[in-house]
Every structure is written in C-alpha cells, then in structure tokens.
Amino acid sequence: MSAIKGSVNEQSDEVLTKALLNAAKEMGLSQKQVGEVIGKGQSSLSRLPVTPDSKAGELALILIRIYRSLFVQIGGDREQIRHWMATPNRHTHGTPSEQIKNITGLMRVANYLDAIRGKI
C-alpha cells in the first residue's frame, strides 16, 4: 500500500512540475524567472520535481492559477498573454512578470485576475 502511495505522490510532483513549466512557457517566463517565483534555483527545477504540499508547490499552484485566469480571459492567445505579463498594469501597480517574483505581488496579480474573472 505504501508503494502505491509513494507512486501517486511522485506522479503528483511530476504533474505539478510539468504544469508549472508549461504555464510559465505560455506566459513567456524563463526557468530563471519561475525559480525566482517559487524560491528554487533554475537548475533544481529541471532536476527536482515540485511537491504540491511544499511552499514552492503552493506558489507554483498560484502561478498556474494566474495562467488559467489569463487563458480564459484572453481566449488562449499566447501572444496576448505574454503581452499582458510584460506590460505595466495600472490596476496591479506594476508589471505582472516582475510583481510575481515576491509573494505580495504574486497574490496581487492573482487576486486582480480573480476579481476581473468574477465580472465576466
């Protein structure tokens, strides 16, 4: 039974890591930027999976939430998503791709997108 549980946990780690890297790629973020967001080095991202119940995992889930919100609101247009991330935003008081590098900014961007999504 514990072998099955270990296998499920490993799969969860791999799925989260893959989802994080895919979302970051779609948003135009480098692995270095992703590492800054979740507090891991660029090299450890490619070698070690992100576990969902860790602090890095929680931050990864918030970044994925940001991507999902943008995807829905912008209609999945990769270039528009990247433009939104790289352009100063007067509502979040900064450039989202820079703001997400600390927890306060990450939450500000996530909360802003959640609020906008609620109006749609």
PDB file of N, CA and C in Angstrom:
ATOM      1  N   MET A   1       0.819  -1.200   0.000  1.00  0.00           N
ATOM      2  CA  MET A   1       0.000   0.000   0.000  1.00  0.00           C
ATOM      3  C   MET A   1       0.862   1.263   0.000  1.00  0.00           C
ATOM      4  N   SER A   2       1.942   1.264   0.803  1.00  0.00           N
ATOM      5  CA  SER A   2       2.790   2.459   0.844  1.00  0.00           C
ATOM      6  C   SER A   2       3.534   2.667  -0.466  1.00  0.00           C
ATOM      7  N   ALA A   3       3.805   1.581  -1.199  1.00  0.00           N
ATOM      8  CA  ALA A   3       4.452   1.716  -2.511  1.00  0.00           C
ATOM      9  C   ALA A   3       3.524   2.437  -3.482  1.00  0.00           C
ATOM     10  N   ILE A   4       2.230   2.144  -3.403  1.00  0.00           N
ATOM     11  CA  ILE A   4       1.246   2.809  -4.263  1.00  0.00           C
ATOM     12  C   ILE A   4       1.153   4.284  -3.893  1.00  0.00           C
ATOM     13  N   LYS A   5       1.102   4.556  -2.588  1.00  0.00           N
ATOM     14  CA  LYS A   5       1.015   5.942  -2.131  1.00  0.00           C
ATOM     15  C   LYS A   5       2.243   6.737  -2.575  1.00  0.00           C
ATOM     16  N   GLY A   6       3.427   6.146  -2.467  1.00  0.00           N
ATOM     17  CA  GLY A   6       4.652   6.804  -2.912  1.00  0.00           C
ATOM     18  C   GLY A   6       4.626   7.081  -4.397  1.00  0.00           C
ATOM     19  N   SER A   7       4.085   6.136  -5.156  1.00  0.00           N
ATOM     20  CA  SER A   7       3.989   6.304  -6.609  1.00  0.00           C
ATOM     21  C   SER A   7       3.036   7.443  -6.970  1.00  0.00           C
ATOM     22  N   VAL A   8       1.924   7.529  -6.261  1.00  0.00           N
ATOM     23  CA  VAL A   8       0.947   8.599  -6.504  1.00  0.00           C
ATOM     24  C   VAL A   8       1.568   9.953  -6.175  1.00  0.00           C
ATOM     25  N   ASN A   9       2.302  10.031  -5.052  1.00  0.00           N
ATOM     26  CA  ASN A   9       2.955  11.290  -4.680  1.00  0.00           C
ATOM     27  C   ASN A   9       3.981  11.711  -5.720  1.00  0.00           C
ATOM     28  N   GLU A  10       4.762  10.748  -6.215  1.00  0.00           N
ATOM     29  CA  GLU A  10       5.755  11.060  -7.245  1.00  0.00           C
ATOM     30  C   GLU A  10       5.071  11.562  -8.511  1.00  0.00           C
ATOM     31  N   GLN A  11       3.943  10.944  -8.860  1.00  0.00           N
ATOM     32  CA  GLN A  11       3.208  11.378 -10.050  1.00  0.00           C
ATOM     33  C   GLN A  11       2.660  12.787  -9.854  1.00  0.00           C
ATOM     34  N   SER A  12       2.152  13.086  -8.662  1.00  0.00           N
ATOM     35  CA  SER A  12       1.638  14.431  -8.375  1.00  0.00           C
ATOM     36  C   SER A  12       2.746  15.468  -8.519  1.00  0.00           C
ATOM     37  N   ASP A  13       3.927  15.124  -8.025  1.00  0.00           N
ATOM     38  CA  ASP A  13       5.072  16.029  -8.123  1.00  0.00           C
ATOM     39  C   ASP A  13       5.418  16.295  -9.583  1.00  0.00           C
ATOM     40  N   GLU A  14       5.458  15.228 -10.367  1.00  0.00           N
ATOM     41  CA  GLU A  14       5.810  15.365 -11.784  1.00  0.00           C
ATOM     42  C   GLU A  14       4.755  16.156 -12.549  1.00  0.00           C
ATOM     43  N   VAL A  15       3.487  15.902 -12.250  1.00  0.00           N
ATOM     44  CA  VAL A  15       2.399  16.614 -12.929  1.00  0.00           C
ATOM     45  C   VAL A  15       2.458  18.102 -12.596  1.00  0.00           C
ATOM     46  N   LEU A  16       2.654  18.431 -11.324  1.00  0.00           N
ATOM     47  CA  LEU A  16       2.728  19.840 -10.927  1.00  0.00           C
ATOM     48  C   LEU A  16       3.920  20.529 -11.592  1.00  0.00           C
ATOM     49  N   THR A  17       5.058  19.876 -11.592  1.00  0.00           N
ATOM     50  CA  THR A  17       6.248  20.470 -12.207  1.00  0.00           C
ATOM     51  C   THR A  17       6.035  20.705 -13.694  1.00  0.00           C
ATOM     52  N   LYS A  18       5.462  19.722 -14.364  1.00  0.00           N
ATOM     53  CA  LYS A  18       5.213  19.857 -15.805  1.00  0.00           C
ATOM     54  C   LYS A  18       4.201  20.975 -16.076  1.00  0.00           C
ATOM     55  N   ALA A  19       3.131  21.026 -15.281  1.00  0.00           N
ATOM     56  CA  ALA A  19       2.116  22.077 -15.450  1.00  0.00           C
ATOM     57  C   ALA A  19       2.727  23.455 -15.207  1.00  0.00           C
ATOM     58  N   LEU A  20       3.569  23.564 -14.194  1.00  0.00           N
ATOM     59  CA  LEU A  20       4.231  24.834 -13.882  1.00  0.00           C
ATOM     60  C   LEU A  20       5.103  25.293 -15.045  1.00  0.00           C
ATOM     61  N   LEU A  21       5.926  24.398 -15.553  1.00  0.00           N
ATOM     62  CA  LEU A  21       6.833  24.767 -16.641  1.00  0.00           C
ATOM     63  C   LEU A  21       6.071  25.085 -17.923  1.00  0.00           C
ATOM     64  N   ASN A  22       4.993  24.351 -18.185  1.00  0.00           N
ATOM     65  CA  ASN A  22       4.176  24.642 -19.375  1.00  0.00           C
ATOM     66  C   ASN A  22       3.487  25.999 -19.253  1.00  0.00           C
ATOM     67  N   ALA A  23       2.913  26.284 -18.078  1.00  0.00           N
ATOM     68  CA  ALA A  23       2.244  27.572 -17.866  1.00  0.00           C
ATOM     69  C   ALA A  23       3.248  28.714 -18.002  1.00  0.00           C
ATOM     70  N   ALA A  24       4.419  28.534 -17.411  1.00  0.00           N
ATOM     71  CA  ALA A  24       5.453  29.571 -17.489  1.00  0.00           C
ATOM     72  C   ALA A  24       5.865  29.822 -18.934  1.00  0.00           C
ATOM     73  N   LYS A  25       6.023  28.757 -19.694  1.00  0.00           N
ATOM     74  CA  LYS A  25       6.407  28.893 -21.104  1.00  0.00           C
ATOM     75  C   LYS A  25       5.349  29.683 -21.866  1.00  0.00           C
ATOM     76  N   GLU A  26       4.085  29.370 -21.629  1.00  0.00           N
ATOM     77  CA  GLU A  26       2.993  30.070 -22.310  1.00  0.00           C
ATOM     78  C   GLU A  26       2.946  31.549 -21.931  1.00  0.00           C
ATOM     79  N   MET A  27       3.357  31.854 -20.692  1.00  0.00           N
ATOM     80  CA  MET A  27       3.352  33.245 -20.238  1.00  0.00           C
ATOM     81  C   MET A  27       4.628  33.983 -20.620  1.00  0.00           C
ATOM     82  N   GLY A  28       5.565  33.276 -21.237  1.00  0.00           N
ATOM     83  CA  GLY A  28       6.814  33.910 -21.642  1.00  0.00           C
ATOM     84  C   GLY A  28       7.818  34.066 -20.520  1.00  0.00           C
ATOM     85  N   LEU A  29       7.700  33.237 -19.489  1.00  0.00           N
ATOM     86  CA  LEU A  29       8.621  33.303 -18.358  1.00  0.00           C
ATOM     87  C   LEU A  29       9.740  32.282 -18.538  1.00  0.00           C
ATOM     88  N   SER A  30      10.952  32.670 -18.217  1.00  0.00           N
ATOM     89  CA  SER A  30      12.086  31.752 -18.288  1.00  0.00           C
ATOM     90  C   SER A  30      12.106  30.859 -17.046  1.00  0.00           C
ATOM     91  N   GLN A  31      12.912  29.790 -17.092  1.00  0.00           N
ATOM     92  CA  GLN A  31      13.051  28.939 -15.911  1.00  0.00           C
ATOM     93  C   GLN A  31      13.660  29.725 -14.754  1.00  0.00           C
ATOM     94  N   LYS A  32      14.529  30.670 -15.069  1.00  0.00           N
ATOM     95  CA  LYS A  32      15.116  31.507 -14.020  1.00  0.00           C
ATOM     96  C   LYS A  32      14.022  32.309 -13.319  1.00  0.00           C
ATOM     97  N   GLN A  33      13.110  32.897 -14.098  1.00  0.00           N
ATOM     98  CA  GLN A  33      12.016  33.668 -13.511  1.00  0.00           C
ATOM     99  C   GLN A  33      11.100  32.771 -12.679  1.00  0.00           C
ATOM    100  N   VAL A  34      10.823  31.579 -13.174  1.00  0.00           N
ATOM    101  CA  VAL A  34       9.984  30.638 -12.422  1.00  0.00           C
ATOM    102  C   VAL A  34      10.657  30.297 -11.096  1.00  0.00           C
ATOM    103  N   GLY A  35      11.957  30.061 -11.143  1.00  0.00           N
ATOM    104  CA  GLY A  35      12.701  29.778  -9.920  1.00  0.00           C
ATOM    105  C   GLY A  35      12.603  30.914  -8.917  1.00  0.00           C
ATOM    106  N   GLU A  36      12.640  32.150  -9.406  1.00  0.00           N
ATOM    107  CA  GLU A  36      12.503  33.313  -8.528  1.00  0.00           C
ATOM    108  C   GLU A  36      11.118  33.360  -7.898  1.00  0.00           C
ATOM    109  N   VAL A  37      10.105  32.955  -8.646  1.00  0.00           N
ATOM    110  CA  VAL A  37       8.732  32.974  -8.132  1.00  0.00           C
ATOM    111  C   VAL A  37       8.560  31.949  -7.020  1.00  0.00           C
ATOM    112  N   ILE A  38       9.026  30.727  -7.241  1.00  0.00           N
ATOM    113  CA  ILE A  38       8.766  29.654  -6.273  1.00  0.00           C
ATOM    114  C   ILE A  38       9.906  29.433  -5.285  1.00  0.00           C
ATOM    115  N   GLY A  39      10.989  30.197  -5.438  1.00  0.00           N
ATOM    116  CA  GLY A  39      12.088  30.091  -4.483  1.00  0.00           C
ATOM    117  C   GLY A  39      13.008  28.909  -4.700  1.00  0.00           C
ATOM    118  N   LYS A  40      13.158  28.482  -5.937  1.00  0.00           N
ATOM    119  CA  LYS A  40      14.081  27.387  -6.263  1.00  0.00           C
ATOM    120  C   LYS A  40      15.035  27.863  -7.340  1.00  0.00           C
ATOM    121  N   GLY A  41      16.213  27.293  -7.352  1.00  0.00           N
ATOM    122  CA  GLY A  41      17.177  27.629  -8.385  1.00  0.00           C
ATOM    123  C   GLY A  41      16.764  27.060  -9.734  1.00  0.00           C
ATOM    124  N   GLN A  42      17.229  27.683 -10.779  1.00  0.00           N
ATOM    125  CA  GLN A  42      16.897  27.261 -12.140  1.00  0.00           C
ATOM    126  C   GLN A  42      17.296  25.811 -12.384  1.00  0.00           C
ATOM    127  N   SER A  43      18.462  25.408 -11.908  1.00  0.00           N
ATOM    128  CA  SER A  43      18.925  24.041 -12.151  1.00  0.00           C
ATOM    129  C   SER A  43      18.105  23.013 -11.376  1.00  0.00           C
ATOM    130  N   SER A  44      17.639  23.368 -10.184  1.00  0.00           N
ATOM    131  CA  SER A  44      16.854  22.404  -9.410  1.00  0.00           C
ATOM    132  C   SER A  44      15.469  22.189 -10.010  1.00  0.00           C
ATOM    133  N   LEU A  45      14.978  23.160 -10.761  1.00  0.00           N
ATOM    134  CA  LEU A  45      13.676  22.996 -11.421  1.00  0.00           C
ATOM    135  C   LEU A  45      13.698  21.853 -12.424  1.00  0.00           C
ATOM    136  N   SER A  46      14.788  21.724 -13.146  1.00  0.00           N
ATOM    137  CA  SER A  46      14.854  20.686 -14.168  1.00  0.00           C
ATOM    138  C   SER A  46      15.210  19.325 -13.576  1.00  0.00           C
ATOM    139  N   ARG A  47      15.793  19.307 -12.378  1.00  0.00           N
ATOM    140  CA  ARG A  47      16.204  18.039 -11.777  1.00  0.00           C
ATOM    141  C   ARG A  47      15.235  17.525 -10.725  1.00  0.00           C
ATOM    142  N   LEU A  48      14.682  18.416  -9.933  1.00  0.00           N
ATOM    143  CA  LEU A  48      13.844  18.007  -8.809  1.00  0.00           C
ATOM    144  C   LEU A  48      12.403  18.456  -9.007  1.00  0.00           C
ATOM    145  N   PRO A  49      11.452  17.542  -8.880  1.00  0.00           N
ATOM    146  CA  PRO A  49      10.054  17.947  -9.041  1.00  0.00           C
ATOM    147  C   PRO A  49       9.585  18.832  -7.877  1.00  0.00           C
ATOM    148  N   VAL A  50       8.557  19.606  -8.137  1.00  0.00           N
ATOM    149  CA  VAL A  50       7.959  20.480  -7.126  1.00  0.00           C
ATOM    150  C   VAL A  50       6.839  19.696  -6.448  1.00  0.00           C
ATOM    151  N   THR A  51       6.897  19.579  -5.134  1.00  0.00           N
ATOM    152  CA  THR A  51       5.868  18.838  -4.411  1.00  0.00           C
ATOM    153  C   THR A  51       4.711  19.767  -4.056  1.00  0.00           C
ATOM    154  N   PRO A  52       3.469  19.330  -4.297  1.00  0.00           N
ATOM    155  CA  PRO A  52       2.300  20.187  -4.077  1.00  0.00           C
ATOM    156  C   PRO A  52       2.149  20.713  -2.650  1.00  0.00           C
ATOM    157  N   ASP A  53       2.595  19.939  -1.647  1.00  0.00           N
ATOM    158  CA  ASP A  53       2.380  20.367  -0.267  1.00  0.00           C
ATOM    159  C   ASP A  53       3.558  21.165   0.309  1.00  0.00           C
ATOM    160  N   SER A  54       4.495  21.565  -0.531  1.00  0.00           N
ATOM    161  CA  SER A  54       5.607  22.409  -0.084  1.00  0.00           C
ATOM    162  C   SER A  54       5.269  23.881  -0.351  1.00  0.00           C
ATOM    163  N   LYS A  55       6.066  24.769   0.219  1.00  0.00           N
ATOM    164  CA  LYS A  55       5.868  26.200  -0.040  1.00  0.00           C
ATOM    165  C   LYS A  55       6.038  26.493  -1.526  1.00  0.00           C
ATOM    166  N   ALA A  56       7.059  25.889  -2.137  1.00  0.00           N
ATOM    167  CA  ALA A  56       7.278  26.069  -3.580  1.00  0.00           C
ATOM    168  C   ALA A  56       6.079  25.550  -4.367  1.00  0.00           C
ATOM    169  N   GLY A  57       5.499  24.447  -3.909  1.00  0.00           N
ATOM    170  CA  GLY A  57       4.324  23.879  -4.573  1.00  0.00           C
ATOM    171  C   GLY A  57       3.119  24.800  -4.494  1.00  0.00           C
ATOM    172  N   GLU A  58       2.927  25.410  -3.337  1.00  0.00           N
ATOM    173  CA  GLU A  58       1.809  26.345  -3.181  1.00  0.00           C
ATOM    174  C   GLU A  58       1.982  27.557  -4.093  1.00  0.00           C
ATOM    175  N   LEU A  59       3.198  28.067  -4.174  1.00  0.00           N
ATOM    176  CA  LEU A  59       3.468  29.208  -5.056  1.00  0.00           C
ATOM    177  C   LEU A  59       3.303  28.813  -6.523  1.00  0.00           C
ATOM    178  N   ALA A  60       3.709  27.587  -6.849  1.00  0.00           N
ATOM    179  CA  ALA A  60       3.537  27.083  -8.219  1.00  0.00           C
ATOM    180  C   ALA A  60       2.061  27.018  -8.578  1.00  0.00           C
ATOM    181  N   LEU A  61       1.238  26.555  -7.643  1.00  0.00           N
ATOM    182  CA  LEU A  61      -0.204  26.471  -7.901  1.00  0.00           C
ATOM    183  C   LEU A  61      -0.812  27.858  -8.128  1.00  0.00           C
ATOM    184  N   ILE A  62      -0.334  28.855  -7.413  1.00  0.00           N
ATOM    185  CA  ILE A  62      -0.835  30.221  -7.618  1.00  0.00           C
ATOM    186  C   ILE A  62      -0.425  30.732  -8.999  1.00  0.00           C
ATOM    187  N   LEU A  63       0.806  30.447  -9.405  1.00  0.00           N
ATOM    188  CA  LEU A  63       1.252  30.866 -10.737  1.00  0.00           C
ATOM    189  C   LEU A  63       0.435  30.172 -11.830  1.00  0.00           C
ATOM    190  N   ILE A  64       0.133  28.903 -11.632  1.00  0.00           N
ATOM    191  CA  ILE A  64      -0.712  28.176 -12.592  1.00  0.00           C
ATOM    192  C   ILE A  64      -2.116  28.781 -12.610  1.00  0.00           C
ATOM    193  N   ARG A  65      -2.619  29.168 -11.442  1.00  0.00           N
ATOM    194  CA  ARG A  65      -3.932  29.827 -11.364  1.00  0.00           C
ATOM    195  C   ARG A  65      -3.937  31.122 -12.165  1.00  0.00           C
ATOM    196  N   ILE A  66      -2.853  31.878 -12.088  1.00  0.00           N
ATOM    197  CA  ILE A  66      -2.735  33.114 -12.869  1.00  0.00           C
ATOM    198  C   ILE A  66      -2.803  32.792 -14.352  1.00  0.00           C
ATOM    199  N   TYR A  67      -2.063  31.784 -14.772  1.00  0.00           N
ATOM    200  CA  TYR A  67      -2.081  31.400 -16.186  1.00  0.00           C
ATOM    201  C   TYR A  67      -3.489  30.995 -16.626  1.00  0.00           C
ATOM    202  N   ARG A  68      -4.153  30.181 -15.827  1.00  0.00           N
ATOM    203  CA  ARG A  68      -5.500  29.721 -16.195  1.00  0.00           C
ATOM    204  C   ARG A  68      -6.469  30.894 -16.308  1.00  0.00           C
ATOM    205  N   SER A  69      -6.369  31.845 -15.394  1.00  0.00           N
ATOM    206  CA  SER A  69      -7.231  33.029 -15.467  1.00  0.00           C
ATOM    207  C   SER A  69      -6.966  33.818 -16.738  1.00  0.00           C
ATOM    208  N   LEU A  70      -5.692  34.026 -17.037  1.00  0.00           N
ATOM    209  CA  LEU A  70      -5.345  34.754 -18.263  1.00  0.00           C
ATOM    210  C   LEU A  70      -5.818  34.004 -19.503  1.00  0.00           C
ATOM    211  N   PHE A  71      -5.634  32.699 -19.507  1.00  0.00           N
ATOM    212  CA  PHE A  71      -6.023  31.891 -20.659  1.00  0.00           C
ATOM    213  C   PHE A  71      -7.510  32.065 -20.956  1.00  0.00           C
ATOM    214  N   VAL A  72      -8.323  32.000 -19.918  1.00  0.00           N
ATOM    215  CA  VAL A  72      -9.774  32.129 -20.084  1.00  0.00           C
ATOM    216  C   VAL A  72     -10.145  33.546 -20.508  1.00  0.00           C
ATOM    217  N   GLN A  73      -9.588  34.541 -19.847  1.00  0.00           N
ATOM    218  CA  GLN A  73      -9.970  35.923 -20.114  1.00  0.00           C
ATOM    219  C   GLN A  73      -9.472  36.442 -21.455  1.00  0.00           C
ATOM    220  N   ILE A  74      -8.340  35.933 -21.898  1.00  0.00           N
ATOM    221  CA  ILE A  74      -7.756  36.421 -23.146  1.00  0.00           C
ATOM    222  C   ILE A  74      -8.073  35.483 -24.304  1.00  0.00           C
ATOM    223  N   GLY A  75      -8.707  34.379 -24.018  1.00  0.00           N
ATOM    224  CA  GLY A  75      -9.100  33.460 -25.078  1.00  0.00           C
ATOM    225  C   GLY A  75      -7.982  32.560 -25.566  1.00  0.00           C
ATOM    226  N   GLY A  76      -6.980  32.349 -24.738  1.00  0.00           N
ATOM    227  CA  GLY A  76      -5.910  31.429 -25.088  1.00  0.00           C
ATOM    228  C   GLY A  76      -4.878  31.962 -26.061  1.00  0.00           C
ATOM    229  N   ASP A  77      -4.913  33.238 -26.363  1.00  0.00           N
ATOM    230  CA  ASP A  77      -3.961  33.843 -27.300  1.00  0.00           C
ATOM    231  C   ASP A  77      -2.609  34.026 -26.601  1.00  0.00           C
ATOM    232  N   ARG A  78      -1.644  33.181 -26.964  1.00  0.00           N
ATOM    233  CA  ARG A  78      -0.335  33.178 -26.307  1.00  0.00           C
ATOM    234  C   ARG A  78       0.338  34.547 -26.357  1.00  0.00           C
ATOM    235  N   GLU A  79       0.296  35.194 -27.491  1.00  0.00           N
ATOM    236  CA  GLU A  79       0.957  36.496 -27.623  1.00  0.00           C
ATOM    237  C   GLU A  79       0.308  37.543 -26.722  1.00  0.00           C
ATOM    238  N   GLN A  80      -1.011  37.514 -26.605  1.00  0.00           N
ATOM    239  CA  GLN A  80      -1.701  38.467 -25.729  1.00  0.00           C
ATOM    240  C   GLN A  80      -1.406  38.176 -24.255  1.00  0.00           C
ATOM    241  N   ILE A  81      -1.311  36.893 -23.910  1.00  0.00           N
ATOM    242  CA  ILE A  81      -0.964  36.520 -22.534  1.00  0.00           C
ATOM    243  C   ILE A  81       0.428  37.053 -22.201  1.00  0.00           C
ATOM    244  N   ARG A  82       1.371  36.834 -23.103  1.00  0.00           N
ATOM    245  CA  ARG A  82       2.742  37.314 -22.888  1.00  0.00           C
ATOM    246  C   ARG A  82       2.791  38.840 -22.826  1.00  0.00           C
ATOM    247  N   HIS A  83       2.016  39.484 -23.678  1.00  0.00           N
ATOM    248  CA  HIS A  83       1.953  40.950 -23.668  1.00  0.00           C
ATOM    249  C   HIS A  83       1.422  41.438 -22.321  1.00  0.00           C
ATOM    250  N   TRP A  84       0.357  40.815 -21.835  1.00  0.00           N
ATOM    251  CA  TRP A  84      -0.235  41.221 -20.559  1.00  0.00           C
ATOM    252  C   TRP A  84       0.782  41.072 -19.429  1.00  0.00           C
ATOM    253  N   MET A  85       1.512  39.979 -19.426  1.00  0.00           N
ATOM    254  CA  MET A  85       2.501  39.735 -18.373  1.00  0.00           C
ATOM    255  C   MET A  85       3.647  40.747 -18.415  1.00  0.00           C
ATOM    256  N   ALA A  86       4.011  41.218 -19.605  1.00  0.00           N
ATOM    257  CA  ALA A  86       5.191  42.076 -19.767  1.00  0.00           C
ATOM    258  C   ALA A  86       4.885  43.572 -19.783  1.00  0.00           C
ATOM    259  N   THR A  87       3.607  43.936 -19.700  1.00  0.00           N
ATOM    260  CA  THR A  87       3.207  45.334 -19.814  1.00  0.00           C
ATOM    261  C   THR A  87       2.822  45.897 -18.446  1.00  0.00           C
ATOM    262  N   PRO A  88       3.296  47.099 -18.100  1.00  0.00           N
ATOM    263  CA  PRO A  88       2.877  47.710 -16.834  1.00  0.00           C
ATOM    264  C   PRO A  88       1.346  47.784 -16.751  1.00  0.00           C
ATOM    265  N   ASN A  89       0.834  47.475 -15.567  1.00  0.00           N
ATOM    266  CA  ASN A  89      -0.605  47.427 -15.350  1.00  0.00           C
ATOM    267  C   ASN A  89      -0.958  48.416 -14.247  1.00  0.00           C
ATOM    268  N   ARG A  90      -1.781  49.383 -14.561  1.00  0.00           N
ATOM    269  CA  ARG A  90      -2.114  50.405 -13.558  1.00  0.00           C
ATOM    270  C   ARG A  90      -2.971  49.837 -12.423  1.00  0.00           C
ATOM    271  N   HIS A  91      -3.690  48.755 -12.672  1.00  0.00           N
ATOM    272  CA  HIS A  91      -4.538  48.173 -11.628  1.00  0.00           C
ATOM    273  C   HIS A  91      -3.727  47.376 -10.604  1.00  0.00           C
ATOM    274  N   THR A  92      -2.665  46.728 -11.060  1.00  0.00           N
ATOM    275  CA  THR A  92      -1.817  45.973 -10.130  1.00  0.00           C
ATOM    276  C   THR A  92      -0.621  46.801  -9.668  1.00  0.00           C
ATOM    277  N   HIS A  93      -0.491  47.997 -10.233  1.00  0.00           N
ATOM    278  CA  HIS A  93       0.575  48.937  -9.868  1.00  0.00           C
ATOM    279  C   HIS A  93       1.970  48.395 -10.175  1.00  0.00           C
ATOM    280  N   GLY A  94       2.100  47.755 -11.324  1.00  0.00           N
ATOM    281  CA  GLY A  94       3.408  47.253 -11.728  1.00  0.00           C
ATOM    282  C   GLY A  94       3.303  46.367 -12.957  1.00  0.00           C
ATOM    283  N   THR A  95       4.408  45.773 -13.328  1.00  0.00           N
ATOM    284  CA  THR A  95       4.451  44.840 -14.447  1.00  0.00           C
ATOM    285  C   THR A  95       4.300  43.431 -13.879  1.00  0.00           C
ATOM    286  N   PRO A  96       3.244  42.710 -14.250  1.00  0.00           N
ATOM    287  CA  PRO A  96       2.988  41.399 -13.655  1.00  0.00           C
ATOM    288  C   PRO A  96       4.181  40.445 -13.642  1.00  0.00           C
ATOM    289  N   SER A  97       4.958  40.396 -14.728  1.00  0.00           N
ATOM    290  CA  SER A  97       6.096  39.467 -14.754  1.00  0.00           C
ATOM    291  C   SER A  97       7.155  39.819 -13.706  1.00  0.00           C
ATOM    292  N   GLU A  98       7.196  41.058 -13.285  1.00  0.00           N
ATOM    293  CA  GLU A  98       8.109  41.469 -12.212  1.00  0.00           C
ATOM    294  C   GLU A  98       7.441  41.306 -10.848  1.00  0.00           C
ATOM    295  N   GLN A  99       6.160  41.634 -10.771  1.00  0.00           N
ATOM    296  CA  GLN A  99       5.446  41.572  -9.499  1.00  0.00           C
ATOM    297  C   GLN A  99       5.389  40.164  -8.928  1.00  0.00           C
ATOM    298  N   ILE A 100       5.293  39.167  -9.797  1.00  0.00           N
ATOM    299  CA  ILE A 100       5.124  37.794  -9.317  1.00  0.00           C
ATOM    300  C   ILE A 100       6.374  37.230  -8.654  1.00  0.00           C
ATOM    301  N   LYS A 101       7.464  37.971  -8.654  1.00  0.00           N
ATOM    302  CA  LYS A 101       8.710  37.484  -8.059  1.00  0.00           C
ATOM    303  C   LYS A 101       8.700  37.515  -6.534  1.00  0.00           C
ATOM    304  N   ASN A 102       7.683  38.159  -5.948  1.00  0.00           N
ATOM    305  CA  ASN A 102       7.531  38.082  -4.496  1.00  0.00           C
ATOM    306  C   ASN A 102       6.080  37.718  -4.183  1.00  0.00           C
ATOM    307  N   ILE A 103       5.861  37.208  -3.002  1.00  0.00           N
ATOM    308  CA  ILE A 103       4.544  36.672  -2.645  1.00  0.00           C
ATOM    309  C   ILE A 103       3.465  37.746  -2.687  1.00  0.00           C
ATOM    310  N   THR A 104       3.771  38.941  -2.213  1.00  0.00           N
ATOM    311  CA  THR A 104       2.783  40.017  -2.229  1.00  0.00           C
ATOM    312  C   THR A 104       2.343  40.327  -3.652  1.00  0.00           C
ATOM    313  N   GLY A 105       3.300  40.459  -4.547  1.00  0.00           N
ATOM    314  CA  GLY A 105       2.981  40.742  -5.945  1.00  0.00           C
ATOM    315  C   GLY A 105       2.266  39.587  -6.621  1.00  0.00           C
ATOM    316  N   LEU A 106       2.694  38.364  -6.323  1.00  0.00           N
ATOM    317  CA  LEU A 106       2.049  37.175  -6.884  1.00  0.00           C
ATOM    318  C   LEU A 106       0.575  37.154  -6.500  1.00  0.00           C
ATOM    319  N   MET A 107       0.300  37.418  -5.228  1.00  0.00           N
ATOM    320  CA  MET A 107      -1.085  37.422  -4.759  1.00  0.00           C
ATOM    321  C   MET A 107      -1.859  38.611  -5.324  1.00  0.00           C
ATOM    322  N   ARG A 108      -1.214  39.751  -5.472  1.00  0.00           N
ATOM    323  CA  ARG A 108      -1.886  40.922  -6.041  1.00  0.00           C
ATOM    324  C   ARG A 108      -2.357  40.609  -7.466  1.00  0.00           C
ATOM    325  N   VAL A 109      -1.490  40.013  -8.270  1.00  0.00           N
ATOM    326  CA  VAL A 109      -1.842  39.670  -9.649  1.00  0.00           C
ATOM    327  C   VAL A 109      -2.943  38.608  -9.665  1.00  0.00           C
ATOM    328  N   ALA A 110      -2.809  37.575  -8.836  1.00  0.00           N
ATOM    329  CA  ALA A 110      -3.820  36.508  -8.789  1.00  0.00           C
ATOM    330  C   ALA A 110      -5.176  37.059  -8.350  1.00  0.00           C
ATOM    331  N   ASN A 111      -5.186  37.880  -7.314  1.00  0.00           N
ATOM    332  CA  ASN A 111      -6.445  38.446  -6.821  1.00  0.00           C
ATOM    333  C   ASN A 111      -7.083  39.379  -7.840  1.00  0.00           C
ATOM    334  N   TYR A 112      -6.263  40.161  -8.529  1.00  0.00           N
ATOM    335  CA  TYR A 112      -6.785  41.048  -9.572  1.00  0.00           C
ATOM    336  C   TYR A 112      -7.474  40.229 -10.664  1.00  0.00           C
ATOM    337  N   LEU A 113      -6.804  39.185 -11.133  1.00  0.00           N
ATOM    338  CA  LEU A 113      -7.393  38.360 -12.196  1.00  0.00           C
ATOM    339  C   LEU A 113      -8.653  37.645 -11.715  1.00  0.00           C
ATOM    340  N   ASP A 114      -8.656  37.198 -10.455  1.00  0.00           N
ATOM    341  CA  ASP A 114      -9.861  36.570  -9.903  1.00  0.00           C
ATOM    342  C   ASP A 114     -11.019  37.564  -9.867  1.00  0.00           C
ATOM    343  N   ALA A 115     -10.728  38.803  -9.480  1.00  0.00           N
ATOM    344  CA  ALA A 115     -11.775  39.830  -9.411  1.00  0.00           C
ATOM    345  C   ALA A 115     -12.325  40.141 -10.797  1.00  0.00           C
ATOM    346  N   ILE A 116     -11.446  40.251 -11.774  1.00  0.00           N
ATOM    347  CA  ILE A 116     -11.880  40.518 -13.150  1.00  0.00           C
ATOM    348  C   ILE A 116     -12.698  39.351 -13.678  1.00  0.00           C
ATOM    349  N   ARG A 117     -12.255  38.148 -13.386  1.00  0.00           N
ATOM    350  CA  ARG A 117     -12.974  36.961 -13.863  1.00  0.00           C
ATOM    351  C   ARG A 117     -14.384  36.920 -13.277  1.00  0.00           C
ATOM    352  N   GLY A 118     -14.521  37.391 -12.043  1.00  0.00           N
ATOM    353  CA  GLY A 118     -15.833  37.425 -11.411  1.00  0.00           C
ATOM    354  C   GLY A 118     -16.804  38.357 -12.113  1.00  0.00           C
ATOM    355  N   LYS A 119     -16.284  39.353 -12.830  1.00  0.00           N
ATOM    356  CA  LYS A 119     -17.136  40.314 -13.536  1.00  0.00           C
ATOM    357  C   LYS A 119     -17.549  39.817 -14.912  1.00  0.00           C
ATOM    358  N   ILE A 120     -16.817  38.833 -15.433  1.00  0.00           N
ATOM    359  CA  ILE A 120     -17.113  38.351 -16.794  1.00  0.00           C
ATOM    360  C   ILE A 120     -18.347  37.477 -16.777  1.00  0.00           C
TER     361      ILE A 120
END
